[in-house]
């Protein structure tokens, strides 16, 4: 059985020009930039997209506009994770009616759910979702892991089509690959972009790489090179590892999104406004991002 999703699927930033205001022009430039880079799909309203910080109207707007601009050129996956069961279903239905291809669901955040509660939650939720669902493991932010035993249990749901893992534990990722013995149709995708090559070598299907907002072709070329066993992938891996320096600027967890949006603004693609309570890099940190991107030949 063929997996539904593979390759490089960037988790799009949500371009904004002010509080609760989408940067329409920037969004179109961003989508054209990543599609031209050869990506295999787009993921909106993920962590890089600041989804939990956005109003529900803005989330719906981001979904609708993205799908309109993409115009069926690549699959569009929509993040629907929320603290509210009802809002998750509403967003999923909006995604379906807008023409999305799939949904991405992480564990509910704030009150950490136990694994028994998580199984029941997904059992109750899946029948109400109108599209295929990829589960999203990101325990650093949700405080809950999709444990392997839980995923083995959830294999029974045909509508679940894979797992995106942003936990950063390659041993856990390898155990995810083993689940393909039961669900050969599952897509197993890595989140941390510097681990893409290793994840592919272990049997993964691709990556949801935030850096692909900036330089999509690097990640697409790396994916192809590893898949084709082309030894040139090592050079690409080194460039991607050097790119990671933009995520170490600043001392707060928001630096990952700040670095990405700052880079995109320096490239002239979209504004670097962030949703509250976060703010764009100040001039000194912006200059550091600029220096890294210039050294890498991105700008």
C-alpha atoms as a PDB file:
ATOM      1  CA  UNK A   1       0.000   0.000   0.000  1.00  0.00           C
ATOM      2  CA  UNK A   2       1.297   3.445  -0.927  1.00  0.00           C
ATOM      3  CA  UNK A   3       1.691   6.108   1.758  1.00  0.00           C
ATOM      4  CA  UNK A   4      -0.520   9.147   1.329  1.00  0.00           C
ATOM      5  CA  UNK A   5       2.110  11.817   2.123  1.00  0.00           C
ATOM      6  CA  UNK A   6       5.872  11.860   1.596  1.00  0.00           C
ATOM      7  CA  UNK A   7       8.699  14.218   0.724  1.00  0.00           C
ATOM      8  CA  UNK A   8       9.122  17.753   2.047  1.00  0.00           C
ATOM      9  CA  UNK A   9       6.038  19.482   3.464  1.00  0.00           C
ATOM     10  CA  UNK A  10       6.838  22.927   4.901  1.00  0.00           C
ATOM     11  CA  UNK A  11       4.876  24.040   7.964  1.00  0.00           C
ATOM     12  CA  UNK A  12       3.970  27.474   6.617  1.00  0.00           C
ATOM     13  CA  UNK A  13       4.407  30.560   8.741  1.00  0.00           C
ATOM     14  CA  UNK A  14       1.282  32.691   9.012  1.00  0.00           C
ATOM     15  CA  UNK A  15       2.226  36.034   7.431  1.00  0.00           C
ATOM     16  CA  UNK A  16       0.668  38.966   9.289  1.00  0.00           C
ATOM     17  CA  UNK A  17       0.836  42.745   8.977  1.00  0.00           C
ATOM     18  CA  UNK A  18      -0.814  43.588  12.291  1.00  0.00           C
ATOM     19  CA  UNK A  19      -2.696  41.935  15.130  1.00  0.00           C
ATOM     20  CA  UNK A  20      -5.269  39.540  13.653  1.00  0.00           C
ATOM     21  CA  UNK A  21      -4.555  40.747  10.092  1.00  0.00           C
ATOM     22  CA  UNK A  22      -3.284  38.366   7.447  1.00  0.00           C
ATOM     23  CA  UNK A  23      -0.548  39.526   5.068  1.00  0.00           C
ATOM     24  CA  UNK A  24      -2.305  38.482   1.844  1.00  0.00           C
ATOM     25  CA  UNK A  25       0.440  39.598  -0.506  1.00  0.00           C
ATOM     26  CA  UNK A  26       3.091  37.995   1.655  1.00  0.00           C
ATOM     27  CA  UNK A  27       1.144  34.739   1.865  1.00  0.00           C
ATOM     28  CA  UNK A  28       0.907  34.543  -1.915  1.00  0.00           C
ATOM     29  CA  UNK A  29       4.623  35.262  -2.341  1.00  0.00           C
ATOM     30  CA  UNK A  30       5.456  32.633   0.287  1.00  0.00           C
ATOM     31  CA  UNK A  31       3.319  29.954  -1.317  1.00  0.00           C
ATOM     32  CA  UNK A  32       4.714  30.673  -4.785  1.00  0.00           C
ATOM     33  CA  UNK A  33       8.241  30.544  -3.330  1.00  0.00           C
ATOM     34  CA  UNK A  34       7.867  27.134  -1.685  1.00  0.00           C
ATOM     35  CA  UNK A  35       5.865  25.578  -4.532  1.00  0.00           C
ATOM     36  CA  UNK A  36       8.533  26.744  -6.996  1.00  0.00           C
ATOM     37  CA  UNK A  37      11.073  25.038  -4.711  1.00  0.00           C
ATOM     38  CA  UNK A  38       9.455  21.695  -5.474  1.00  0.00           C
ATOM     39  CA  UNK A  39       7.809  20.888  -2.133  1.00  0.00           C
ATOM     40  CA  UNK A  40       5.443  17.937  -1.956  1.00  0.00           C
ATOM     41  CA  UNK A  41       2.710  19.578   0.123  1.00  0.00           C
ATOM     42  CA  UNK A  42       1.965  22.383   2.586  1.00  0.00           C
ATOM     43  CA  UNK A  43       0.997  22.274   6.265  1.00  0.00           C
ATOM     44  CA  UNK A  44      -0.853  25.308   7.614  1.00  0.00           C
ATOM     45  CA  UNK A  45      -1.692  26.146  11.236  1.00  0.00           C
ATOM     46  CA  UNK A  46       1.091  24.166  12.815  1.00  0.00           C
ATOM     47  CA  UNK A  47       3.617  25.279  15.416  1.00  0.00           C
ATOM     48  CA  UNK A  48       5.568  27.347  12.888  1.00  0.00           C
ATOM     49  CA  UNK A  49       2.244  28.849  11.834  1.00  0.00           C
ATOM     50  CA  UNK A  50       1.591  30.084  15.407  1.00  0.00           C
ATOM     51  CA  UNK A  51      -1.817  28.395  15.313  1.00  0.00           C
ATOM     52  CA  UNK A  52      -2.614  28.442  19.058  1.00  0.00           C
ATOM     53  CA  UNK A  53      -2.038  32.224  19.137  1.00  0.00           C
ATOM     54  CA  UNK A  54      -4.413  32.993  16.258  1.00  0.00           C
ATOM     55  CA  UNK A  55      -8.113  33.855  16.487  1.00  0.00           C
ATOM     56  CA  UNK A  56     -10.544  31.333  14.994  1.00  0.00           C
ATOM     57  CA  UNK A  57     -11.563  33.756  12.213  1.00  0.00           C
ATOM     58  CA  UNK A  58      -7.914  34.265  11.266  1.00  0.00           C
ATOM     59  CA  UNK A  59      -7.277  30.506  11.254  1.00  0.00           C
ATOM     60  CA  UNK A  60     -10.207  30.005   8.897  1.00  0.00           C
ATOM     61  CA  UNK A  61      -8.982  32.861   6.723  1.00  0.00           C
ATOM     62  CA  UNK A  62      -5.498  31.330   6.530  1.00  0.00           C
ATOM     63  CA  UNK A  63      -6.989  27.997   5.460  1.00  0.00           C
ATOM     64  CA  UNK A  64      -9.236  29.484   2.794  1.00  0.00           C
ATOM     65  CA  UNK A  65      -6.614  31.800   1.305  1.00  0.00           C
ATOM     66  CA  UNK A  66      -3.891  29.157   1.252  1.00  0.00           C
ATOM     67  CA  UNK A  67      -6.085  26.652  -0.566  1.00  0.00           C
ATOM     68  CA  UNK A  68      -7.222  29.310  -3.036  1.00  0.00           C
ATOM     69  CA  UNK A  69      -3.639  30.301  -3.869  1.00  0.00           C
ATOM     70  CA  UNK A  70      -2.339  26.724  -4.044  1.00  0.00           C
ATOM     71  CA  UNK A  71      -5.099  25.815  -6.515  1.00  0.00           C
ATOM     72  CA  UNK A  72      -4.558  22.053  -6.231  1.00  0.00           C
ATOM     73  CA  UNK A  73      -0.871  22.177  -7.180  1.00  0.00           C
ATOM     74  CA  UNK A  74       0.170  20.333  -4.009  1.00  0.00           C
ATOM     75  CA  UNK A  75      -1.784  18.767  -1.109  1.00  0.00           C
ATOM     76  CA  UNK A  76      -2.675  21.097   1.769  1.00  0.00           C
ATOM     77  CA  UNK A  77      -2.776  19.741   5.326  1.00  0.00           C
ATOM     78  CA  UNK A  78      -4.471  21.774   8.067  1.00  0.00           C
ATOM     79  CA  UNK A  79      -3.653  21.750  11.765  1.00  0.00           C
ATOM     80  CA  UNK A  80      -6.806  21.416  13.870  1.00  0.00           C
ATOM     81  CA  UNK A  81      -5.351  20.952  17.369  1.00  0.00           C
ATOM     82  CA  UNK A  82      -7.189  22.913  20.039  1.00  0.00           C
ATOM     83  CA  UNK A  83      -8.050  22.718  23.712  1.00  0.00           C
ATOM     84  CA  UNK A  84     -11.711  22.464  22.675  1.00  0.00           C
ATOM     85  CA  UNK A  85     -13.099  19.305  21.074  1.00  0.00           C
ATOM     86  CA  UNK A  86     -15.901  21.291  19.429  1.00  0.00           C
ATOM     87  CA  UNK A  87     -13.574  23.923  17.929  1.00  0.00           C
ATOM     88  CA  UNK A  88     -11.337  21.172  16.564  1.00  0.00           C
ATOM     89  CA  UNK A  89     -14.314  19.663  14.721  1.00  0.00           C
ATOM     90  CA  UNK A  90     -15.462  23.068  13.455  1.00  0.00           C
ATOM     91  CA  UNK A  91     -12.026  23.870  12.064  1.00  0.00           C
ATOM     92  CA  UNK A  92     -11.799  20.444  10.426  1.00  0.00           C
ATOM     93  CA  UNK A  93     -15.142  20.982   8.712  1.00  0.00           C
ATOM     94  CA  UNK A  94     -14.066  24.408   7.494  1.00  0.00           C
ATOM     95  CA  UNK A  95     -10.856  22.886   6.122  1.00  0.00           C
ATOM     96  CA  UNK A  96     -12.838  20.221   4.273  1.00  0.00           C
ATOM     97  CA  UNK A  97     -15.326  22.685   2.813  1.00  0.00           C
ATOM     98  CA  UNK A  98     -12.425  24.890   1.659  1.00  0.00           C
ATOM     99  CA  UNK A  99     -10.825  22.019  -0.226  1.00  0.00           C
ATOM    100  CA  UNK A 100      -8.064  20.814   2.116  1.00  0.00           C
ATOM    101  CA  UNK A 101      -6.590  17.365   1.557  1.00  0.00           C
ATOM    102  CA  UNK A 102      -5.931  16.295   5.132  1.00  0.00           C
ATOM    103  CA  UNK A 103      -5.854  17.255   8.796  1.00  0.00           C
ATOM    104  CA  UNK A 104      -3.101  17.270  11.422  1.00  0.00           C
ATOM    105  CA  UNK A 105      -3.967  16.551  15.046  1.00  0.00           C
ATOM    106  CA  UNK A 106      -1.731  16.828  18.084  1.00  0.00           C
ATOM    107  CA  UNK A 107      -2.580  16.010  21.683  1.00  0.00           C
ATOM    108  CA  UNK A 108      -4.745  18.655  23.406  1.00  0.00           C
ATOM    109  CA  UNK A 109      -2.564  21.041  25.395  1.00  0.00           C
ATOM    110  CA  UNK A 110      -2.772  22.874  28.761  1.00  0.00           C
ATOM    111  CA  UNK A 111      -4.228  20.065  30.929  1.00  0.00           C
ATOM    112  CA  UNK A 112      -2.038  17.074  30.004  1.00  0.00           C
ATOM    113  CA  UNK A 113      -4.113  14.041  29.070  1.00  0.00           C
ATOM    114  CA  UNK A 114      -3.304  10.531  30.233  1.00  0.00           C
ATOM    115  CA  UNK A 115      -2.871   7.879  27.557  1.00  0.00           C
ATOM    116  CA  UNK A 116      -6.251   6.284  28.349  1.00  0.00           C
ATOM    117  CA  UNK A 117      -7.891   9.707  28.052  1.00  0.00           C
ATOM    118  CA  UNK A 118      -6.014  10.328  24.813  1.00  0.00           C
ATOM    119  CA  UNK A 119      -7.224   7.063  23.275  1.00  0.00           C
ATOM    120  CA  UNK A 120     -10.820   7.894  24.193  1.00  0.00           C
ATOM    121  CA  UNK A 121     -10.436  11.439  22.854  1.00  0.00           C
ATOM    122  CA  UNK A 122      -9.182  10.270  19.457  1.00  0.00           C
ATOM    123  CA  UNK A 123     -11.783   7.478  19.318  1.00  0.00           C
ATOM    124  CA  UNK A 124     -14.522  10.064  19.847  1.00  0.00           C
ATOM    125  CA  UNK A 125     -13.015  12.673  17.536  1.00  0.00           C
ATOM    126  CA  UNK A 126     -12.039  10.659  14.444  1.00  0.00           C
ATOM    127  CA  UNK A 127     -15.610   9.758  13.354  1.00  0.00           C
ATOM    128  CA  UNK A 128     -16.494  13.458  13.334  1.00  0.00           C
ATOM    129  CA  UNK A 129     -13.576  14.504  11.126  1.00  0.00           C
ATOM    130  CA  UNK A 130     -14.282  14.717   7.386  1.00  0.00           C
ATOM    131  CA  UNK A 131     -10.724  14.175   6.082  1.00  0.00           C
ATOM    132  CA  UNK A 132      -7.719  11.855   6.580  1.00  0.00           C
ATOM    133  CA  UNK A 133      -5.785  12.649   9.756  1.00  0.00           C
ATOM    134  CA  UNK A 134      -2.078  12.719  10.498  1.00  0.00           C
ATOM    135  CA  UNK A 135      -1.230  12.601  14.197  1.00  0.00           C
ATOM    136  CA  UNK A 136       1.362  15.096  15.428  1.00  0.00           C
ATOM    137  CA  UNK A 137       3.713  14.284  18.303  1.00  0.00           C
ATOM    138  CA  UNK A 138       5.259  17.397  19.880  1.00  0.00           C
ATOM    139  CA  UNK A 139       5.543  16.755  23.634  1.00  0.00           C
ATOM    140  CA  UNK A 140       7.804  19.760  24.264  1.00  0.00           C
ATOM    141  CA  UNK A 141       4.793  22.031  23.738  1.00  0.00           C
ATOM    142  CA  UNK A 142       1.760  19.869  24.511  1.00  0.00           C
ATOM    143  CA  UNK A 143       3.273  18.084  27.554  1.00  0.00           C
ATOM    144  CA  UNK A 144       1.906  14.771  26.233  1.00  0.00           C
ATOM    145  CA  UNK A 145       3.504  12.125  23.988  1.00  0.00           C
ATOM    146  CA  UNK A 146       1.617   9.818  21.671  1.00  0.00           C
ATOM    147  CA  UNK A 147       3.117   6.740  23.291  1.00  0.00           C
ATOM    148  CA  UNK A 148       3.844   3.807  20.981  1.00  0.00           C
ATOM    149  CA  UNK A 149       1.270   1.588  22.721  1.00  0.00           C
ATOM    150  CA  UNK A 150      -1.341   4.290  22.161  1.00  0.00           C
ATOM    151  CA  UNK A 151      -0.448   4.530  18.482  1.00  0.00           C
ATOM    152  CA  UNK A 152      -0.646   0.739  18.143  1.00  0.00           C
ATOM    153  CA  UNK A 153      -4.170   0.994  19.530  1.00  0.00           C
ATOM    154  CA  UNK A 154      -5.051   3.883  17.182  1.00  0.00           C
ATOM    155  CA  UNK A 155      -3.915   1.885  14.136  1.00  0.00           C
ATOM    156  CA  UNK A 156      -7.478   0.562  14.023  1.00  0.00           C
ATOM    157  CA  UNK A 157      -8.713   3.877  12.604  1.00  0.00           C
ATOM    158  CA  UNK A 158      -8.478   3.783   8.803  1.00  0.00           C
ATOM    159  CA  UNK A 159      -8.865   7.563   8.708  1.00  0.00           C
ATOM    160  CA  UNK A 160      -5.533   8.006  10.524  1.00  0.00           C
ATOM    161  CA  UNK A 161      -2.842   8.022   7.834  1.00  0.00           C
ATOM    162  CA  UNK A 162       0.386   8.610   9.714  1.00  0.00           C
ATOM    163  CA  UNK A 163       2.414  10.461  12.320  1.00  0.00           C
ATOM    164  CA  UNK A 164       4.494  13.609  12.241  1.00  0.00           C
ATOM    165  CA  UNK A 165       7.080  13.403  15.018  1.00  0.00           C
ATOM    166  CA  UNK A 166       8.710  16.544  16.406  1.00  0.00           C
ATOM    167  CA  UNK A 167       9.930  14.928  19.610  1.00  0.00           C
ATOM    168  CA  UNK A 168      13.554  14.796  18.462  1.00  0.00           C
ATOM    169  CA  UNK A 169      14.111  11.249  19.775  1.00  0.00           C
ATOM    170  CA  UNK A 170      15.347   9.075  16.914  1.00  0.00           C
ATOM    171  CA  UNK A 171      14.825   5.881  18.920  1.00  0.00           C
ATOM    172  CA  UNK A 172      11.131   6.808  19.252  1.00  0.00           C
ATOM    173  CA  UNK A 173      11.077   7.654  15.546  1.00  0.00           C
ATOM    174  CA  UNK A 174      12.498   4.231  14.711  1.00  0.00           C
ATOM    175  CA  UNK A 175       9.708   2.625  16.721  1.00  0.00           C
ATOM    176  CA  UNK A 176       7.220   4.663  14.693  1.00  0.00           C
ATOM    177  CA  UNK A 177       8.690   3.148  11.536  1.00  0.00           C
ATOM    178  CA  UNK A 178       8.001  -0.306  12.972  1.00  0.00           C
ATOM    179  CA  UNK A 179       4.291   0.557  13.107  1.00  0.00           C
ATOM    180  CA  UNK A 180       4.327   0.413   9.311  1.00  0.00           C
ATOM    181  CA  UNK A 181       4.359  -3.367   9.660  1.00  0.00           C
ATOM    182  CA  UNK A 182       0.746  -3.014  10.798  1.00  0.00           C
ATOM    183  CA  UNK A 183      -0.096   0.060   8.739  1.00  0.00           C
ATOM    184  CA  UNK A 184       2.081   0.074   5.600  1.00  0.00           C
ATOM    185  CA  UNK A 185      -0.039   2.968   4.334  1.00  0.00           C
ATOM    186  CA  UNK A 186       1.072   5.242   7.185  1.00  0.00           C
ATOM    187  CA  UNK A 187       3.295   8.232   6.441  1.00  0.00           C
ATOM    188  CA  UNK A 188       5.978   8.693   9.097  1.00  0.00           C
ATOM    189  CA  UNK A 189       7.368  12.233   8.903  1.00  0.00           C
ATOM    190  CA  UNK A 190      10.117  13.914  10.939  1.00  0.00           C
ATOM    191  CA  UNK A 191       9.757  17.424  12.340  1.00  0.00           C
ATOM    192  CA  UNK A 192      13.292  18.565  13.352  1.00  0.00           C
ATOM    193  CA  UNK A 193      14.711  19.547   9.968  1.00  0.00           C
ATOM    194  CA  UNK A 194      18.357  18.737  10.683  1.00  0.00           C
ATOM    195  CA  UNK A 195      17.274  15.110  11.260  1.00  0.00           C
ATOM    196  CA  UNK A 196      15.640  14.713   7.844  1.00  0.00           C
ATOM    197  CA  UNK A 197      18.422  12.673   6.227  1.00  0.00           C
ATOM    198  CA  UNK A 198      18.799  10.351   9.212  1.00  0.00           C
ATOM    199  CA  UNK A 199      15.030   9.900   9.397  1.00  0.00           C
ATOM    200  CA  UNK A 200      14.913   8.916   5.727  1.00  0.00           C
ATOM    201  CA  UNK A 201      17.786   6.485   6.166  1.00  0.00           C
ATOM    202  CA  UNK A 202      15.857   4.834   8.992  1.00  0.00           C
ATOM    203  CA  UNK A 203      12.819   4.355   6.758  1.00  0.00           C
ATOM    204  CA  UNK A 204      10.880   7.588   7.243  1.00  0.00           C
ATOM    205  CA  UNK A 205       8.794   9.076   4.452  1.00  0.00           C
ATOM    206  CA  UNK A 206       9.845  12.715   4.634  1.00  0.00           C
ATOM    207  CA  UNK A 207       9.961  15.823   6.755  1.00  0.00           C
ATOM    208  CA  UNK A 208       7.875  18.792   7.848  1.00  0.00           C
ATOM    209  CA  UNK A 209      10.778  21.240   7.781  1.00  0.00           C
ATOM    210  CA  UNK A 210      10.334  24.821   8.970  1.00  0.00           C
ATOM    211  CA  UNK A 211      13.485  25.870   7.125  1.00  0.00           C
ATOM    212  CA  UNK A 212      11.776  24.932   3.864  1.00  0.00           C
ATOM    213  CA  UNK A 213       9.863  28.215   4.193  1.00  0.00           C
ATOM    214  CA  UNK A 214      13.205  29.884   3.496  1.00  0.00           C
ATOM    215  CA  UNK A 215      15.065  27.518   1.175  1.00  0.00           C
ATOM    216  CA  UNK A 216      12.664  24.799   0.030  1.00  0.00           C
ATOM    217  CA  UNK A 217      14.928  23.532  -2.737  1.00  0.00           C
ATOM    218  CA  UNK A 218      17.655  22.573  -0.239  1.00  0.00           C
ATOM    219  CA  UNK A 219      15.302  20.222   1.559  1.00  0.00           C
ATOM    220  CA  UNK A 220      13.729  18.874  -1.623  1.00  0.00           C
ATOM    221  CA  UNK A 221      17.174  18.207  -3.092  1.00  0.00           C
ATOM    222  CA  UNK A 222      18.287  16.528   0.149  1.00  0.00           C
ATOM    223  CA  UNK A 223      15.194  14.325   0.145  1.00  0.00           C
ATOM    224  CA  UNK A 224      15.802  13.271  -3.454  1.00  0.00           C
ATOM    225  CA  UNK A 225      19.515  12.708  -2.930  1.00  0.00           C
ATOM    226  CA  UNK A 226      18.989  10.431   0.070  1.00  0.00           C
ATOM    227  CA  UNK A 227      16.191   8.562  -1.693  1.00  0.00           C
ATOM    228  CA  UNK A 228      18.408   8.046  -4.750  1.00  0.00           C
ATOM    229  CA  UNK A 229      21.435   7.154  -2.569  1.00  0.00           C
ATOM    230  CA  UNK A 230      23.325  10.054  -4.108  1.00  0.00           C
ATOM    231  CA  UNK A 231      26.389  10.906  -2.012  1.00  0.00           C
ATOM    232  CA  UNK A 232      25.936  14.641  -2.640  1.00  0.00           C
ATOM    233  CA  UNK A 233      23.352  14.730   0.142  1.00  0.00           C
ATOM    234  CA  UNK A 234      26.110  15.196   2.727  1.00  0.00           C
ATOM    235  CA  UNK A 235      26.907  18.658   1.345  1.00  0.00           C
ATOM    236  CA  UNK A 236      23.235  19.639   1.531  1.00  0.00           C
ATOM    237  CA  UNK A 237      23.030  18.315   5.084  1.00  0.00           C
ATOM    238  CA  UNK A 238      25.913  20.565   6.113  1.00  0.00           C
ATOM    239  CA  UNK A 239      24.178  23.629   4.679  1.00  0.00           C
ATOM    240  CA  UNK A 240      20.971  22.779   6.533  1.00  0.00           C
ATOM    241  CA  UNK A 241      22.904  22.300   9.759  1.00  0.00           C
ATOM    242  CA  UNK A 242      24.490  25.735   9.304  1.00  0.00           C
ATOM    243  CA  UNK A 243      21.011  27.219   8.777  1.00  0.00           C
ATOM    244  CA  UNK A 244      20.072  26.067  12.281  1.00  0.00           C
ATOM    245  CA  UNK A 245      22.068  29.013  13.661  1.00  0.00           C
ATOM    246  CA  UNK A 246      19.152  31.372  13.004  1.00  0.00           C
ATOM    247  CA  UNK A 247      17.087  29.442  15.553  1.00  0.00           C
ATOM    248  CA  UNK A 248      19.611  30.023  18.341  1.00  0.00           C
ATOM    249  CA  UNK A 249      19.324  33.817  18.213  1.00  0.00           C
ATOM    250  CA  UNK A 250      17.438  35.115  21.236  1.00  0.00           C
ATOM    251  CA  UNK A 251      16.776  33.324  24.501  1.00  0.00           C
ATOM    252  CA  UNK A 252      13.060  32.526  24.322  1.00  0.00           C
ATOM    253  CA  UNK A 253      11.287  29.531  22.789  1.00  0.00           C
ATOM    254  CA  UNK A 254       9.711  31.865  20.228  1.00  0.00           C
ATOM    255  CA  UNK A 255      13.146  32.282  18.603  1.00  0.00           C
ATOM    256  CA  UNK A 256      12.372  29.466  16.135  1.00  0.00           C
ATOM    257  CA  UNK A 257       9.423  31.333  14.670  1.00  0.00           C
ATOM    258  CA  UNK A 258      11.164  34.699  14.981  1.00  0.00           C
ATOM    259  CA  UNK A 259      14.184  33.418  13.079  1.00  0.00           C
ATOM    260  CA  UNK A 260      12.054  32.003  10.283  1.00  0.00           C
ATOM    261  CA  UNK A 261       9.832  35.050   9.885  1.00  0.00           C
ATOM    262  CA  UNK A 262      12.808  37.395  10.144  1.00  0.00           C
ATOM    263  CA  UNK A 263      14.547  35.471   7.372  1.00  0.00           C
ATOM    264  CA  UNK A 264      11.474  35.636   5.153  1.00  0.00           C
ATOM    265  CA  UNK A 265      11.179  39.385   5.667  1.00  0.00           C
ATOM    266  CA  UNK A 266      14.876  39.835   4.800  1.00  0.00           C
ATOM    267  CA  UNK A 267      14.196  37.875   1.604  1.00  0.00           C
ATOM    268  CA  UNK A 268      11.335  40.256   0.798  1.00  0.00           C
ATOM    269  CA  UNK A 269       8.731  37.493   0.925  1.00  0.00           C
ATOM    270  CA  UNK A 270       6.468  38.498   3.821  1.00  0.00           C
ATOM    271  CA  UNK A 271       6.262  40.648   6.919  1.00  0.00           C
ATOM    272  CA  UNK A 272       7.789  39.371  10.160  1.00  0.00           C
ATOM    273  CA  UNK A 273       4.958  40.480  12.464  1.00  0.00           C
ATOM    274  CA  UNK A 274       4.227  37.832  15.130  1.00  0.00           C
ATOM    275  CA  UNK A 275       1.048  37.053  17.024  1.00  0.00           C
ATOM    276  CA  UNK A 276       0.866  38.234  20.640  1.00  0.00           C
ATOM    277  CA  UNK A 277       2.545  37.859  23.053  1.00  0.00           C
ATOM    278  CA  UNK A 278       5.570  37.599  20.766  1.00  0.00           C
ATOM    279  CA  UNK A 279       7.344  40.306  18.785  1.00  0.00           C
ATOM    280  CA  UNK A 280       9.715  40.476  15.837  1.00  0.00           C
ATOM    281  CA  UNK A 281      13.489  40.524  16.310  1.00  0.00           C
ATOM    282  CA  UNK A 282      15.012  43.877  17.212  1.00  0.00           C
ATOM    283  CA  UNK A 283      17.637  45.398  14.866  1.00  0.00           C
ATOM    284  CA  UNK A 284      20.681  43.734  16.455  1.00  0.00           C
ATOM    285  CA  UNK A 285      19.198  40.224  16.272  1.00  0.00           C
ATOM    286  CA  UNK A 286      17.818  40.930  12.808  1.00  0.00           C
ATOM    287  CA  UNK A 287      21.357  41.810  11.713  1.00  0.00           C
ATOM    288  CA  UNK A 288      22.596  38.466  13.050  1.00  0.00           C
ATOM    289  CA  UNK A 289      19.990  36.591  11.023  1.00  0.00           C
ATOM    290  CA  UNK A 290      20.952  38.637   7.969  1.00  0.00           C
ATOM    291  CA  UNK A 291      24.631  37.753   8.401  1.00  0.00           C
ATOM    292  CA  UNK A 292      23.862  34.018   8.566  1.00  0.00           C
ATOM    293  CA  UNK A 293      21.621  34.102   5.496  1.00  0.00           C
ATOM    294  CA  UNK A 294      24.208  36.106   3.547  1.00  0.00           C
ATOM    295  CA  UNK A 295      26.948  33.664   4.458  1.00  0.00           C
ATOM    296  CA  UNK A 296      24.760  30.803   3.192  1.00  0.00           C
ATOM    297  CA  UNK A 297      23.921  32.661  -0.020  1.00  0.00           C
ATOM    298  CA  UNK A 298      20.181  32.795   0.733  1.00  0.00           C
ATOM    299  CA  UNK A 299      20.122  36.604   0.468  1.00  0.00           C
END
